[in-house]
Amino acid sequence: MKLTSPITSINLDSNFHALSDPIRLEILDLLRNRELCVCDLNEALKISQSKLSFHLKVLKEAQLVQSTQEGRWAYYRINLAQFIVLEEYLAQFRRFSPILPPRACEDKT
């Protein structure tokens, strides 16, 4: 059975890429319970502003976070809708993929 997904493979690529870095996972963990200002994220992570900006950009391009600008402050929050789509995609493997016993390799000699 073919797995179908409402998100494109490009989106999947950017989602998995964004989730593959420990710093980005830490950012998402900090945003799990509430929206945070960049200054709060910077203080919690103890990384440079430019490094934080890079990671936030990757997360935003993957649509895993959203931001709001209030004056000179930027606030970030998790984009729960994108996590739901990603979760639904991954759940298809559990629901529709048969678990088969390992196949023995044929000896080609």
N, C-alpha and C. Protein backbone atom coordinates (compact mmCIF):
# COMPACT_ATOMS: atom_id res chain seq x y z
N MET A 1 0.85 -1.18 0.00
CA MET A 1 0.00 0.00 0.00
C MET A 1 0.89 1.24 0.00
N LYS A 2 0.57 2.17 -0.84
CA LYS A 2 1.36 3.39 -0.95
C LYS A 2 0.96 4.37 0.15
N LEU A 3 1.96 4.96 0.80
CA LEU A 3 1.69 5.97 1.80
C LEU A 3 1.41 7.29 1.11
N THR A 4 0.36 7.95 1.54
CA THR A 4 0.05 9.27 1.00
C THR A 4 0.16 10.27 2.11
N SER A 5 0.45 11.49 1.73
CA SER A 5 0.64 12.53 2.73
C SER A 5 0.11 13.85 2.20
N PRO A 6 -0.53 14.65 3.07
CA PRO A 6 -0.99 15.96 2.64
C PRO A 6 0.15 16.96 2.52
N ILE A 7 1.35 16.59 2.94
CA ILE A 7 2.48 17.50 2.81
C ILE A 7 3.42 16.99 1.74
N THR A 8 4.11 17.88 1.10
CA THR A 8 5.00 17.50 0.01
C THR A 8 6.29 16.92 0.54
N SER A 9 7.00 16.22 -0.32
CA SER A 9 8.28 15.66 0.10
C SER A 9 9.27 16.76 0.46
N ILE A 10 9.14 17.93 -0.19
CA ILE A 10 10.02 19.05 0.15
C ILE A 10 9.77 19.47 1.59
N ASN A 11 8.52 19.55 1.97
CA ASN A 11 8.19 19.90 3.35
C ASN A 11 8.69 18.84 4.32
N LEU A 12 8.54 17.58 3.95
CA LEU A 12 9.05 16.51 4.80
C LEU A 12 10.56 16.62 4.95
N ASP A 13 11.25 16.88 3.86
CA ASP A 13 12.70 17.05 3.93
C ASP A 13 13.07 18.16 4.91
N SER A 14 12.40 19.31 4.78
CA SER A 14 12.75 20.43 5.66
C SER A 14 12.34 20.15 7.10
N ASN A 15 11.22 19.42 7.30
CA ASN A 15 10.82 19.06 8.66
C ASN A 15 11.86 18.17 9.32
N PHE A 16 12.26 17.11 8.63
CA PHE A 16 13.22 16.18 9.22
C PHE A 16 14.59 16.83 9.37
N HIS A 17 14.97 17.67 8.42
CA HIS A 17 16.23 18.39 8.56
C HIS A 17 16.19 19.29 9.80
N ALA A 18 15.11 20.01 9.97
CA ALA A 18 14.98 20.90 11.13
C ALA A 18 15.01 20.13 12.44
N LEU A 19 14.46 18.95 12.44
CA LEU A 19 14.41 18.14 13.66
C LEU A 19 15.70 17.36 13.92
N SER A 20 16.66 17.47 13.01
CA SER A 20 17.88 16.65 13.14
C SER A 20 18.99 17.33 13.94
N ASP A 21 18.76 18.53 14.43
CA ASP A 21 19.81 19.25 15.15
C ASP A 21 19.46 19.39 16.63
N PRO A 22 20.39 19.06 17.52
CA PRO A 22 20.11 19.14 18.97
C PRO A 22 19.71 20.54 19.44
N ILE A 23 20.30 21.58 18.87
CA ILE A 23 19.94 22.94 19.29
C ILE A 23 18.50 23.24 18.89
N ARG A 24 18.10 22.84 17.70
CA ARG A 24 16.73 23.09 17.27
C ARG A 24 15.74 22.28 18.11
N LEU A 25 16.11 21.07 18.48
CA LEU A 25 15.25 20.29 19.36
C LEU A 25 15.11 20.97 20.73
N GLU A 26 16.19 21.55 21.20
CA GLU A 26 16.15 22.28 22.47
C GLU A 26 15.25 23.51 22.37
N ILE A 27 15.32 24.20 21.24
CA ILE A 27 14.44 25.35 21.02
C ILE A 27 12.98 24.90 21.06
N LEU A 28 12.68 23.83 20.36
CA LEU A 28 11.30 23.34 20.35
C LEU A 28 10.85 22.92 21.74
N ASP A 29 11.74 22.32 22.49
CA ASP A 29 11.41 21.93 23.86
C ASP A 29 11.09 23.16 24.72
N LEU A 30 11.87 24.23 24.54
CA LEU A 30 11.60 25.47 25.29
C LEU A 30 10.27 26.08 24.89
N LEU A 31 9.89 25.93 23.62
CA LEU A 31 8.64 26.51 23.12
C LEU A 31 7.43 25.60 23.36
N ARG A 32 7.68 24.44 23.89
CA ARG A 32 6.61 23.45 24.06
C ARG A 32 5.44 23.98 24.89
N ASN A 33 5.72 24.75 25.92
CA ASN A 33 4.66 25.19 26.83
C ASN A 33 4.19 26.62 26.63
N ARG A 34 5.04 27.44 25.95
CA ARG A 34 4.62 28.83 25.79
C ARG A 34 5.46 29.54 24.74
N GLU A 35 4.91 30.63 24.28
CA GLU A 35 5.61 31.50 23.35
C GLU A 35 6.74 32.20 24.09
N LEU A 36 7.88 32.37 23.42
CA LEU A 36 9.02 33.02 24.05
C LEU A 36 9.63 34.07 23.13
N CYS A 37 10.16 35.09 23.76
CA CYS A 37 10.90 36.13 23.05
C CYS A 37 12.28 35.59 22.69
N VAL A 38 12.85 36.11 21.62
CA VAL A 38 14.19 35.71 21.21
C VAL A 38 15.19 35.92 22.35
N CYS A 39 15.03 36.99 23.09
CA CYS A 39 15.96 37.25 24.19
C CYS A 39 15.88 36.16 25.26
N ASP A 40 14.66 35.63 25.51
CA ASP A 40 14.50 34.53 26.47
C ASP A 40 15.15 33.25 25.95
N LEU A 41 14.97 32.98 24.66
CA LEU A 41 15.59 31.81 24.06
C LEU A 41 17.11 31.92 24.11
N ASN A 42 17.61 33.10 23.81
CA ASN A 42 19.05 33.35 23.81
C ASN A 42 19.64 33.12 25.20
N GLU A 43 18.95 33.61 26.20
CA GLU A 43 19.42 33.45 27.58
C GLU A 43 19.40 31.98 28.01
N ALA A 44 18.35 31.27 27.64
CA ALA A 44 18.22 29.87 28.05
C ALA A 44 19.23 28.97 27.35
N LEU A 45 19.53 29.28 26.08
CA LEU A 45 20.41 28.41 25.29
C LEU A 45 21.90 28.75 25.43
N LYS A 46 22.17 30.00 25.83
CA LYS A 46 23.57 30.44 25.97
C LYS A 46 24.35 30.28 24.66
N ILE A 47 23.73 30.71 23.55
CA ILE A 47 24.40 30.70 22.26
C ILE A 47 24.34 32.11 21.68
N SER A 48 25.15 32.38 20.68
CA SER A 48 25.19 33.72 20.10
C SER A 48 23.87 34.03 19.40
N GLN A 49 23.58 35.30 19.28
CA GLN A 49 22.36 35.76 18.62
C GLN A 49 22.32 35.29 17.17
N SER A 50 23.45 35.34 16.49
CA SER A 50 23.47 34.92 15.08
C SER A 50 23.20 33.42 14.93
N LYS A 51 23.74 32.62 15.83
CA LYS A 51 23.51 31.18 15.79
C LYS A 51 22.04 30.86 16.08
N LEU A 52 21.47 31.55 17.06
CA LEU A 52 20.06 31.37 17.38
C LEU A 52 19.19 31.77 16.20
N SER A 53 19.50 32.90 15.57
CA SER A 53 18.74 33.36 14.42
C SER A 53 18.76 32.34 13.29
N PHE A 54 19.92 31.74 13.05
CA PHE A 54 20.04 30.72 12.02
C PHE A 54 19.10 29.55 12.31
N HIS A 55 19.13 29.05 13.54
CA HIS A 55 18.30 27.89 13.91
C HIS A 55 16.82 28.23 13.87
N LEU A 56 16.46 29.43 14.29
CA LEU A 56 15.06 29.84 14.22
C LEU A 56 14.60 29.95 12.77
N LYS A 57 15.48 30.41 11.90
CA LYS A 57 15.15 30.51 10.47
C LYS A 57 14.88 29.13 9.89
N VAL A 58 15.69 28.15 10.23
CA VAL A 58 15.49 26.78 9.73
C VAL A 58 14.15 26.24 10.22
N LEU A 59 13.85 26.46 11.50
CA LEU A 59 12.58 25.99 12.06
C LEU A 59 11.39 26.69 11.42
N LYS A 60 11.55 27.97 11.15
CA LYS A 60 10.46 28.75 10.54
C LYS A 60 10.24 28.32 9.09
N GLU A 61 11.32 28.11 8.34
CA GLU A 61 11.20 27.66 6.94
C GLU A 61 10.57 26.28 6.86
N ALA A 62 10.78 25.46 7.87
CA ALA A 62 10.16 24.13 7.93
C ALA A 62 8.72 24.21 8.45
N GLN A 63 8.27 25.40 8.78
CA GLN A 63 6.93 25.67 9.30
C GLN A 63 6.67 25.00 10.64
N LEU A 64 7.73 24.73 11.39
CA LEU A 64 7.57 24.12 12.71
C LEU A 64 7.37 25.17 13.79
N VAL A 65 7.78 26.40 13.52
CA VAL A 65 7.52 27.52 14.44
C VAL A 65 6.95 28.69 13.65
N GLN A 66 6.27 29.55 14.38
CA GLN A 66 5.74 30.79 13.83
C GLN A 66 6.26 31.93 14.70
N SER A 67 6.28 33.12 14.13
CA SER A 67 6.77 34.26 14.91
C SER A 67 5.82 35.44 14.78
N THR A 68 5.90 36.28 15.79
CA THR A 68 5.16 37.53 15.83
C THR A 68 6.14 38.62 16.20
N GLN A 69 6.08 39.72 15.47
CA GLN A 69 6.94 40.87 15.75
C GLN A 69 6.14 41.90 16.54
N GLU A 70 6.66 42.30 17.68
CA GLU A 70 6.05 43.35 18.48
C GLU A 70 7.12 44.39 18.77
N GLY A 71 7.07 45.46 18.00
CA GLY A 71 8.12 46.46 18.11
C GLY A 71 9.44 45.87 17.69
N ARG A 72 10.44 45.98 18.54
CA ARG A 72 11.74 45.41 18.19
C ARG A 72 11.91 43.97 18.67
N TRP A 73 10.89 43.41 19.30
CA TRP A 73 10.97 42.06 19.84
C TRP A 73 10.26 41.06 18.94
N ALA A 74 10.87 39.90 18.78
CA ALA A 74 10.26 38.80 18.02
C ALA A 74 9.91 37.68 19.00
N TYR A 75 8.70 37.19 18.90
CA TYR A 75 8.23 36.11 19.76
C TYR A 75 7.97 34.87 18.90
N TYR A 76 8.40 33.72 19.40
CA TYR A 76 8.26 32.46 18.67
C TYR A 76 7.38 31.50 19.44
N ARG A 77 6.64 30.71 18.66
CA ARG A 77 5.77 29.68 19.23
C ARG A 77 5.77 28.48 18.28
N ILE A 78 5.42 27.33 18.82
CA ILE A 78 5.33 26.11 18.01
C ILE A 78 4.12 26.23 17.09
N ASN A 79 4.29 25.78 15.86
CA ASN A 79 3.18 25.69 14.90
C ASN A 79 2.60 24.28 15.03
N LEU A 80 1.66 24.13 15.93
CA LEU A 80 1.11 22.83 16.25
C LEU A 80 0.50 22.14 15.02
N ALA A 81 -0.07 22.91 14.13
CA ALA A 81 -0.69 22.33 12.93
C ALA A 81 0.32 21.53 12.11
N GLN A 82 1.54 22.04 11.99
CA GLN A 82 2.57 21.32 11.22
C GLN A 82 3.01 20.05 11.93
N PHE A 83 3.06 20.08 13.26
CA PHE A 83 3.40 18.87 14.00
C PHE A 83 2.32 17.81 13.86
N ILE A 84 1.07 18.24 13.78
CA ILE A 84 -0.03 17.29 13.58
C ILE A 84 0.09 16.62 12.22
N VAL A 85 0.40 17.39 11.19
CA VAL A 85 0.57 16.84 9.85
C VAL A 85 1.74 15.85 9.83
N LEU A 86 2.83 16.22 10.46
CA LEU A 86 4.00 15.34 10.52
C LEU A 86 3.68 14.06 11.30
N GLU A 87 2.97 14.21 12.39
CA GLU A 87 2.57 13.05 13.19
C GLU A 87 1.67 12.11 12.39
N GLU A 88 0.74 12.68 11.63
CA GLU A 88 -0.14 11.86 10.80
C GLU A 88 0.64 11.11 9.72
N TYR A 89 1.63 11.77 9.13
CA TYR A 89 2.47 11.11 8.14
C TYR A 89 3.19 9.92 8.76
N LEU A 90 3.82 10.12 9.91
CA LEU A 90 4.56 9.05 10.57
C LEU A 90 3.65 7.92 11.02
N ALA A 91 2.43 8.25 11.44
CA ALA A 91 1.48 7.23 11.89
C ALA A 91 1.10 6.27 10.76
N GLN A 92 1.19 6.73 9.52
CA GLN A 92 0.87 5.86 8.39
C GLN A 92 1.81 4.66 8.32
N PHE A 93 3.04 4.83 8.75
CA PHE A 93 3.98 3.70 8.75
C PHE A 93 3.51 2.62 9.71
N ARG A 94 3.00 3.05 10.84
CA ARG A 94 2.53 2.10 11.85
C ARG A 94 1.25 1.41 11.37
N ARG A 95 0.36 2.16 10.76
CA ARG A 95 -0.94 1.60 10.37
C ARG A 95 -0.88 0.76 9.11
N PHE A 96 -0.08 1.16 8.14
CA PHE A 96 -0.18 0.54 6.82
C PHE A 96 1.04 -0.27 6.39
N SER A 97 2.08 -0.29 7.16
CA SER A 97 3.27 -1.04 6.77
C SER A 97 3.27 -2.39 7.46
N PRO A 98 3.30 -3.45 6.65
CA PRO A 98 3.35 -4.78 7.27
C PRO A 98 4.71 -5.01 7.91
N ILE A 99 4.70 -5.72 8.99
CA ILE A 99 5.97 -6.10 9.63
C ILE A 99 6.28 -7.51 9.16
N LEU A 100 7.26 -7.59 8.30
CA LEU A 100 7.63 -8.86 7.70
C LEU A 100 8.89 -9.41 8.35
N PRO A 101 9.03 -10.73 8.37
CA PRO A 101 10.28 -11.30 8.91
C PRO A 101 11.43 -10.96 7.96
N PRO A 102 12.64 -10.89 8.48
CA PRO A 102 13.78 -10.58 7.61
C PRO A 102 13.95 -11.66 6.54
N ARG A 103 14.34 -11.22 5.36
CA ARG A 103 14.54 -12.12 4.24
C ARG A 103 16.01 -12.49 4.17
N ALA A 104 16.30 -13.74 3.96
CA ALA A 104 17.69 -14.20 3.84
C ALA A 104 18.21 -13.78 2.47
N CYS A 105 19.44 -13.31 2.44
CA CYS A 105 20.09 -12.96 1.17
C CYS A 105 20.43 -14.23 0.41
N GLU A 106 20.30 -14.15 -0.89
CA GLU A 106 20.67 -15.30 -1.72
C GLU A 106 22.16 -15.28 -1.98
N ASP A 107 22.76 -16.45 -1.94
CA ASP A 107 24.18 -16.57 -2.24
C ASP A 107 24.35 -16.54 -3.76
N LYS A 108 25.05 -15.57 -4.27
CA LYS A 108 25.19 -15.38 -5.72
C LYS A 108 26.48 -16.02 -6.25
N THR A 109 27.13 -16.87 -5.47
CA THR A 109 28.36 -17.50 -5.96
C THR A 109 28.10 -18.79 -6.68
